[in-house]
Amino acid sequence: MIEKTIANNIRALRKARKMTLQHMEDRTGLTKGYLSKIERGLKSPPFSTLNQIASALGVDLTFLLKQSPAQNADARICYTRKGQGERGRTEEEDARGYRYELLATDKPGKNMIPYIIDVAPQETQTFQHEGEEFLYVLQGKMEFSYDGEVRIMNKGDSVYFDSQGPHSGRALGKGKTRLLAVMYNYKRL
């Protein structure tokens, strides 16, 4: 189960770096209690929170999802076959309806995190974090909100934004909305 892998990797990395939960709280802005629940597998955080934790630990987000380190013969390039990306879900998946598939997980030291995200018609939470994001609507229609401004996005529409601004999205209509997303976190250790 990916949640157990994430929890184990976060705890192991934190301990290997001789960091306390207080250090993590200071670096991420997340409470020690919440971080402890993540490490024990009691909470499955959203993608942006995992990115904050990975940044605080000085690793690429995809490292937190791996059962074992990447065995990539050529670190300059990484191919991901259709349907072969690492799949994850958030604790809100059932209630809020989004799922993601990480791409290029075997590429070490990357600056961008590409993924596919499926958003169901339910309301989603608002995010704010370091970095920049790019979203491209592959399927469906969505309502995208950034810093209080709402726009309707259709298949083929895209948005590039500073992810420090409050942002959220939700699918419109009866079906899901599928996005290609690329996250760039320039606050790396």
Foldseek 3Di string as FASTA:
>chain_A
DQLQLLLCQLVVLCVVVVHDLVLLCVQQVDDSVVNVCSNVSNFFADPQSLCSSCQSSQFHSLSSRDPDAAPDPDLVDADADVPRFQWDDGPCCVVFNKIKGWPRSNRGPDQKTKIKMKGFQHFDDKAADAFKKKKAWQAAKKWKDWLRDIDIDHHGDMDIGGRRTIITMHGDDHGIIMIIMMTGHPSHD
